[in-house]
C-alpha atoms as a PDB file:
ATOM      1  CA  MET A   1     -20.986  12.024   7.481  1.00  0.00           C
ATOM      2  CA  LYS A   2     -17.586  13.240   8.564  1.00  0.00           C
ATOM      3  CA  MET A   3     -15.149  11.097  10.557  1.00  0.00           C
ATOM      4  CA  GLU A   4     -15.273  13.542  13.491  1.00  0.00           C
ATOM      5  CA  GLU A   5     -19.048  13.072  13.751  1.00  0.00           C
ATOM      6  CA  LEU A   6     -18.656   9.293  14.050  1.00  0.00           C
ATOM      7  CA  ILE A   7     -16.063   9.101  16.847  1.00  0.00           C
ATOM      8  CA  PRO A   8     -18.721   9.165  19.640  1.00  0.00           C
ATOM      9  CA  TYR A   9     -20.190   5.949  18.165  1.00  0.00           C
ATOM     10  CA  PHE A  10     -16.950   3.930  18.436  1.00  0.00           C
ATOM     11  CA  ASP A  11     -17.171   0.769  20.575  1.00  0.00           C
ATOM     12  CA  LYS A  12     -20.986   0.922  20.630  1.00  0.00           C
ATOM     13  CA  LYS A  13     -23.557  -1.375  19.046  1.00  0.00           C
ATOM     14  CA  VAL A  14     -25.108   0.645  16.242  1.00  0.00           C
ATOM     15  CA  VAL A  15     -27.222   0.567  13.114  1.00  0.00           C
ATOM     16  CA  VAL A  16     -25.455   2.261  10.212  1.00  0.00           C
ATOM     17  CA  TYR A  17     -27.685   3.649   7.455  1.00  0.00           C
ATOM     18  CA  PHE A  18     -25.851   4.092   4.160  1.00  0.00           C
ATOM     19  CA  THR A  19     -26.511   6.624   1.417  1.00  0.00           C
ATOM     20  CA  ASP A  20     -27.467   3.797  -0.981  1.00  0.00           C
ATOM     21  CA  GLY A  21     -30.488   2.934   1.198  1.00  0.00           C
ATOM     22  CA  THR A  22     -29.024  -0.163   2.889  1.00  0.00           C
ATOM     23  CA  SER A  23     -28.261  -0.588   6.578  1.00  0.00           C
ATOM     24  CA  ARG A  24     -26.129  -2.905   8.733  1.00  0.00           C
ATOM     25  CA  TYR A  25     -25.790  -3.375  12.456  1.00  0.00           C
ATOM     26  CA  GLY A  26     -22.757  -4.220  14.523  1.00  0.00           C
ATOM     27  CA  ILE A  27     -20.102  -2.603  16.674  1.00  0.00           C
ATOM     28  CA  LEU A  28     -18.356   0.415  15.184  1.00  0.00           C
ATOM     29  CA  SER A  29     -14.850  -0.572  16.246  1.00  0.00           C
ATOM     30  CA  GLY A  30     -12.601   2.091  14.753  1.00  0.00           C
ATOM     31  CA  THR A  31     -10.682   2.815  11.572  1.00  0.00           C
ATOM     32  CA  GLU A  32      -8.221   1.240   9.173  1.00  0.00           C
ATOM     33  CA  SER A  33      -6.146   2.673   6.335  1.00  0.00           C
ATOM     34  CA  GLU A  34      -7.464   2.227   2.811  1.00  0.00           C
ATOM     35  CA  GLU A  35      -5.250   0.356   0.342  1.00  0.00           C
ATOM     36  CA  ASN A  36      -5.446   0.337  -3.441  1.00  0.00           C
ATOM     37  CA  GLU A  37      -5.287  -2.801  -5.600  1.00  0.00           C
ATOM     38  CA  GLU A  38      -1.480  -2.797  -5.437  1.00  0.00           C
ATOM     39  CA  GLY A  39      -1.542  -2.825  -1.624  1.00  0.00           C
ATOM     40  CA  GLU A  40      -0.359   0.770  -1.288  1.00  0.00           C
ATOM     41  CA  TYR A  41      -1.979   3.052   1.279  1.00  0.00           C
ATOM     42  CA  THR A  42      -4.152   5.780  -0.227  1.00  0.00           C
ATOM     43  CA  GLY A  43      -4.065   8.110   2.780  1.00  0.00           C
ATOM     44  CA  ARG A  44      -7.811   7.755   3.395  1.00  0.00           C
ATOM     45  CA  GLU A  45      -9.263   6.252   6.555  1.00  0.00           C
ATOM     46  CA  LEU A  46     -12.077   3.688   6.463  1.00  0.00           C
ATOM     47  CA  LEU A  47     -14.509   2.968   9.287  1.00  0.00           C
ATOM     48  CA  VAL A  48     -14.705  -0.601  10.562  1.00  0.00           C
ATOM     49  CA  LEU A  49     -18.012  -2.217  11.566  1.00  0.00           C
ATOM     50  CA  ASP A  50     -17.728  -5.592  13.305  1.00  0.00           C
ATOM     51  CA  VAL A  51     -20.816  -7.462  12.083  1.00  0.00           C
ATOM     52  CA  SER A  52     -20.036 -10.746  13.871  1.00  0.00           C
ATOM     53  CA  LYS A  53     -17.269 -12.350  15.913  1.00  0.00           C
ATOM     54  CA  HIS A  54     -15.217 -13.192  12.802  1.00  0.00           C
ATOM     55  CA  SER A  55     -16.538 -10.771  10.193  1.00  0.00           C
ATOM     56  CA  TYR A  56     -16.275  -7.049   9.605  1.00  0.00           C
ATOM     57  CA  MET A  57     -16.869  -4.537   6.863  1.00  0.00           C
ATOM     58  CA  SER A  58     -15.125  -1.263   6.153  1.00  0.00           C
ATOM     59  CA  PHE A  59     -16.393   1.808   4.346  1.00  0.00           C
ATOM     60  CA  LEU A  60     -15.784   5.503   3.830  1.00  0.00           C
ATOM     61  CA  PRO A  61     -17.444   7.986   6.216  1.00  0.00           C
ATOM     62  CA  GLU A  62     -19.055   9.704   3.197  1.00  0.00           C
ATOM     63  CA  GLU A  63     -21.064   6.525   2.552  1.00  0.00           C
ATOM     64  CA  ILE A  64     -22.956   6.950   5.851  1.00  0.00           C
ATOM     65  CA  LYS A  65     -26.241   8.814   6.012  1.00  0.00           C
ATOM     66  CA  LYS A  66     -27.067   8.222   9.698  1.00  0.00           C
ATOM     67  CA  VAL A  67     -26.019   6.158  12.743  1.00  0.00           C
ATOM     68  CA  ASP A  68     -28.246   5.078  15.647  1.00  0.00           C
ATOM     69  CA  ILE A  69     -27.021   3.530  18.894  1.00  0.00           C
ATOM     70  CA  ILE A  70     -29.034   0.385  19.679  1.00  0.00           C
ATOM     71  CA  GLU A  71     -27.238  -0.705  22.854  1.00  0.00           C
ATOM     72  CA  ARG A  72     -25.064   1.168  25.323  1.00  0.00           C
END
């Protein structure tokens, strides 16, 4: 998916279906800048999914196949 398509899902509880066949649920909380192994910014934006109070995961928008809202 494209970043623009995902903006309406920010701050909502969602299920994210990835192109590799896996899925995760959480709150799509926004974006962060991608860094390479040297800690330099690559210029690409990653999406952030809060999966619990103290845990999150980030991924590229291209890795997402579909998003469903599960709670408003």
